[in-house]
Amino acid sequence: MVNQSLKNKKIIISAGASGIGLATAKVCLSRGATVYLCDIDSKSLNKLNKHPLKNKRLFSYLCDASNEYQVSDFFEKVKKKTKK
């Protein structure tokens, strides 16, 4: 796999608090991206609070991807963060 830079890129990952989603988030972070992830699992999301890049380049949100209102709210939060 080619090690491409993701510096200044913004990545959104659903189901990102564990498993493949979390592994993907870690790779993106290691390549310089800012990652916005959501998950329905609050316990797994809370574990991310100890990540050194939390609130710098890693932002996590509780969101049920099957609920259109929660998804809409998630994207509004991401939109506000990206305008800063």
N, C-alpha and C. Protein backbone atom coordinates (compact mmCIF):
# COMPACT_ATOMS: atom_id res chain seq x y z
N MET A 1 0.83 -1.18 0.00
CA MET A 1 0.00 0.00 0.00
C MET A 1 0.88 1.25 0.00
N VAL A 2 0.54 2.18 -0.79
CA VAL A 2 1.28 3.43 -0.90
C VAL A 2 0.93 4.31 0.29
N ASN A 3 1.93 4.87 0.94
CA ASN A 3 1.71 5.73 2.10
C ASN A 3 1.43 7.15 1.62
N GLN A 4 0.16 7.45 1.38
CA GLN A 4 -0.21 8.76 0.89
C GLN A 4 -0.55 9.70 2.05
N SER A 5 -0.19 10.96 1.91
CA SER A 5 -0.50 11.95 2.91
C SER A 5 -1.98 12.32 2.82
N LEU A 6 -2.59 12.47 3.96
CA LEU A 6 -3.97 12.95 4.03
C LEU A 6 -4.02 14.29 4.76
N LYS A 7 -2.88 14.97 4.82
CA LYS A 7 -2.81 16.25 5.51
C LYS A 7 -3.83 17.21 4.92
N ASN A 8 -4.52 17.90 5.78
CA ASN A 8 -5.56 18.88 5.42
C ASN A 8 -6.81 18.25 4.83
N LYS A 9 -6.94 16.93 4.91
CA LYS A 9 -8.16 16.25 4.46
C LYS A 9 -9.06 16.01 5.65
N LYS A 10 -10.35 16.01 5.41
CA LYS A 10 -11.34 15.74 6.44
C LYS A 10 -12.04 14.43 6.09
N ILE A 11 -12.03 13.50 7.06
CA ILE A 11 -12.58 12.17 6.84
C ILE A 11 -13.75 11.95 7.80
N ILE A 12 -14.86 11.44 7.29
CA ILE A 12 -16.02 11.09 8.11
C ILE A 12 -16.15 9.58 8.10
N ILE A 13 -16.26 8.99 9.31
CA ILE A 13 -16.37 7.54 9.42
C ILE A 13 -17.56 7.20 10.31
N SER A 14 -18.48 6.41 9.78
CA SER A 14 -19.60 5.88 10.55
C SER A 14 -19.17 4.55 11.15
N ALA A 15 -19.66 4.25 12.34
CA ALA A 15 -19.26 3.03 13.08
C ALA A 15 -17.75 3.04 13.30
N GLY A 16 -17.25 4.19 13.75
CA GLY A 16 -15.81 4.40 13.84
C GLY A 16 -15.19 4.21 15.21
N ALA A 17 -15.96 3.78 16.20
CA ALA A 17 -15.43 3.68 17.55
C ALA A 17 -14.74 2.36 17.86
N SER A 18 -14.85 1.40 16.95
CA SER A 18 -14.20 0.11 17.16
C SER A 18 -14.05 -0.62 15.82
N GLY A 19 -13.34 -1.73 15.86
CA GLY A 19 -13.21 -2.58 14.68
C GLY A 19 -12.57 -1.90 13.48
N ILE A 20 -13.11 -2.21 12.31
CA ILE A 20 -12.57 -1.68 11.05
C ILE A 20 -12.68 -0.15 11.01
N GLY A 21 -13.76 0.41 11.53
CA GLY A 21 -13.92 1.86 11.53
C GLY A 21 -12.83 2.55 12.33
N LEU A 22 -12.52 2.01 13.51
CA LEU A 22 -11.46 2.60 14.34
C LEU A 22 -10.10 2.41 13.69
N ALA A 23 -9.86 1.24 13.10
CA ALA A 23 -8.58 1.00 12.42
C ALA A 23 -8.41 1.99 11.27
N THR A 24 -9.47 2.25 10.54
CA THR A 24 -9.44 3.20 9.44
C THR A 24 -9.15 4.61 9.97
N ALA A 25 -9.80 4.97 11.07
CA ALA A 25 -9.58 6.28 11.68
C ALA A 25 -8.13 6.46 12.09
N LYS A 26 -7.54 5.43 12.68
CA LYS A 26 -6.15 5.51 13.12
C LYS A 26 -5.19 5.68 11.94
N VAL A 27 -5.46 4.99 10.84
CA VAL A 27 -4.62 5.13 9.65
C VAL A 27 -4.75 6.55 9.10
N CYS A 28 -5.97 7.05 9.02
CA CYS A 28 -6.18 8.41 8.52
C CYS A 28 -5.49 9.44 9.40
N LEU A 29 -5.60 9.27 10.72
CA LEU A 29 -4.93 10.19 11.64
C LEU A 29 -3.42 10.14 11.48
N SER A 30 -2.89 8.93 11.31
CA SER A 30 -1.43 8.79 11.17
C SER A 30 -0.91 9.43 9.90
N ARG A 31 -1.80 9.63 8.93
CA ARG A 31 -1.41 10.26 7.67
C ARG A 31 -1.79 11.73 7.61
N GLY A 32 -2.21 12.28 8.75
CA GLY A 32 -2.42 13.72 8.83
C GLY A 32 -3.83 14.23 8.68
N ALA A 33 -4.81 13.36 8.51
CA ALA A 33 -6.20 13.79 8.32
C ALA A 33 -6.83 14.22 9.64
N THR A 34 -7.89 14.99 9.51
CA THR A 34 -8.78 15.27 10.62
C THR A 34 -9.94 14.29 10.46
N VAL A 35 -10.28 13.59 11.54
CA VAL A 35 -11.29 12.53 11.46
C VAL A 35 -12.49 12.88 12.33
N TYR A 36 -13.66 12.77 11.73
CA TYR A 36 -14.94 12.94 12.40
C TYR A 36 -15.62 11.58 12.35
N LEU A 37 -15.80 10.99 13.52
CA LEU A 37 -16.43 9.68 13.50
C LEU A 37 -17.66 9.66 14.38
N CYS A 38 -18.57 8.79 14.02
CA CYS A 38 -19.78 8.61 14.81
C CYS A 38 -19.99 7.12 15.04
N ASP A 39 -20.69 6.84 16.12
CA ASP A 39 -20.99 5.45 16.46
C ASP A 39 -22.17 5.44 17.41
N ILE A 40 -22.86 4.33 17.45
CA ILE A 40 -23.99 4.15 18.35
C ILE A 40 -23.54 3.63 19.72
N ASP A 41 -22.30 3.15 19.79
CA ASP A 41 -21.76 2.52 21.00
C ASP A 41 -21.07 3.56 21.89
N SER A 42 -21.79 4.07 22.88
CA SER A 42 -21.24 5.12 23.74
C SER A 42 -20.05 4.63 24.56
N LYS A 43 -20.04 3.37 24.93
CA LYS A 43 -18.93 2.83 25.72
C LYS A 43 -17.63 2.89 24.91
N SER A 44 -17.69 2.49 23.65
CA SER A 44 -16.50 2.54 22.79
C SER A 44 -16.09 3.98 22.50
N LEU A 45 -17.07 4.86 22.33
CA LEU A 45 -16.76 6.28 22.10
C LEU A 45 -16.05 6.88 23.31
N ASN A 46 -16.47 6.51 24.51
CA ASN A 46 -15.83 7.04 25.72
C ASN A 46 -14.37 6.63 25.81
N LYS A 47 -14.02 5.45 25.30
CA LYS A 47 -12.63 5.00 25.31
C LYS A 47 -11.75 5.91 24.46
N LEU A 48 -12.34 6.53 23.46
CA LEU A 48 -11.58 7.42 22.57
C LEU A 48 -11.21 8.74 23.25
N ASN A 49 -11.84 9.05 24.37
CA ASN A 49 -11.54 10.31 25.07
C ASN A 49 -10.09 10.39 25.52
N LYS A 50 -9.42 9.25 25.63
CA LYS A 50 -8.01 9.22 26.05
C LYS A 50 -7.04 9.33 24.88
N HIS A 51 -7.56 9.34 23.66
CA HIS A 51 -6.69 9.42 22.48
C HIS A 51 -5.99 10.78 22.47
N PRO A 52 -4.67 10.79 22.21
CA PRO A 52 -3.92 12.06 22.26
C PRO A 52 -4.39 13.12 21.26
N LEU A 53 -5.04 12.72 20.19
CA LEU A 53 -5.48 13.70 19.19
C LEU A 53 -6.95 14.10 19.37
N LYS A 54 -7.59 13.60 20.41
CA LYS A 54 -8.99 13.92 20.67
C LYS A 54 -9.15 15.43 20.80
N ASN A 55 -10.11 15.97 20.08
CA ASN A 55 -10.43 17.40 20.04
C ASN A 55 -9.36 18.26 19.38
N LYS A 56 -8.41 17.63 18.72
CA LYS A 56 -7.43 18.36 17.89
C LYS A 56 -7.65 17.97 16.44
N ARG A 57 -7.56 16.67 16.17
CA ARG A 57 -7.83 16.16 14.82
C ARG A 57 -8.76 14.96 14.85
N LEU A 58 -9.22 14.57 16.03
CA LEU A 58 -10.16 13.45 16.18
C LEU A 58 -11.38 13.94 16.95
N PHE A 59 -12.53 13.85 16.30
CA PHE A 59 -13.79 14.27 16.91
C PHE A 59 -14.77 13.11 16.82
N SER A 60 -15.40 12.79 17.94
CA SER A 60 -16.32 11.65 17.95
C SER A 60 -17.69 12.08 18.46
N TYR A 61 -18.71 11.45 17.92
CA TYR A 61 -20.09 11.80 18.23
C TYR A 61 -20.94 10.54 18.36
N LEU A 62 -21.86 10.57 19.31
CA LEU A 62 -22.83 9.51 19.46
C LEU A 62 -23.90 9.71 18.40
N CYS A 63 -24.13 8.69 17.59
CA CYS A 63 -25.08 8.83 16.49
C CYS A 63 -25.54 7.46 16.01
N ASP A 64 -26.83 7.28 15.88
CA ASP A 64 -27.40 6.06 15.30
C ASP A 64 -27.60 6.34 13.81
N ALA A 65 -26.82 5.70 12.98
CA ALA A 65 -26.85 5.98 11.53
C ALA A 65 -28.17 5.59 10.89
N SER A 66 -29.03 4.86 11.59
CA SER A 66 -30.35 4.52 11.04
C SER A 66 -31.40 5.58 11.38
N ASN A 67 -31.00 6.59 12.15
CA ASN A 67 -31.91 7.66 12.54
C ASN A 67 -31.55 8.93 11.77
N GLU A 68 -32.40 9.32 10.84
CA GLU A 68 -32.07 10.44 9.97
C GLU A 68 -31.86 11.75 10.73
N TYR A 69 -32.54 11.94 11.84
CA TYR A 69 -32.38 13.16 12.62
C TYR A 69 -31.01 13.20 13.30
N GLN A 70 -30.58 12.05 13.82
CA GLN A 70 -29.26 12.00 14.44
C GLN A 70 -28.16 12.18 13.40
N VAL A 71 -28.35 11.61 12.23
CA VAL A 71 -27.37 11.77 11.15
C VAL A 71 -27.30 13.23 10.71
N SER A 72 -28.45 13.85 10.57
CA SER A 72 -28.49 15.26 10.19
C SER A 72 -27.80 16.12 11.24
N ASP A 73 -28.05 15.83 12.51
CA ASP A 73 -27.41 16.55 13.61
C ASP A 73 -25.89 16.35 13.59
N PHE A 74 -25.45 15.11 13.33
CA PHE A 74 -24.03 14.81 13.23
C PHE A 74 -23.37 15.66 12.15
N PHE A 75 -23.98 15.72 10.98
CA PHE A 75 -23.39 16.51 9.89
C PHE A 75 -23.41 18.01 10.19
N GLU A 76 -24.41 18.47 10.92
CA GLU A 76 -24.42 19.89 11.33
C GLU A 76 -23.26 20.18 12.26
N LYS A 77 -22.99 19.26 13.19
CA LYS A 77 -21.87 19.43 14.12
C LYS A 77 -20.54 19.43 13.38
N VAL A 78 -20.41 18.52 12.41
CA VAL A 78 -19.17 18.47 11.61
C VAL A 78 -19.01 19.75 10.82
N LYS A 79 -20.10 20.22 10.25
CA LYS A 79 -20.08 21.45 9.46
C LYS A 79 -19.59 22.62 10.30
N LYS A 80 -20.07 22.73 11.54
CA LYS A 80 -19.65 23.81 12.44
C LYS A 80 -18.17 23.69 12.77
N LYS A 81 -17.68 22.46 13.00
CA LYS A 81 -16.27 22.26 13.34
C LYS A 81 -15.37 22.63 12.17
N THR A 82 -15.80 22.34 10.95
CA THR A 82 -14.95 22.58 9.79
C THR A 82 -14.89 24.04 9.40
N LYS A 83 -15.82 24.84 9.90
CA LYS A 83 -15.82 26.27 9.60
C LYS A 83 -14.83 27.05 10.46
N LYS A 84 -14.34 26.40 11.52
CA LYS A 84 -13.40 27.08 12.43
C LYS A 84 -12.04 27.22 11.82
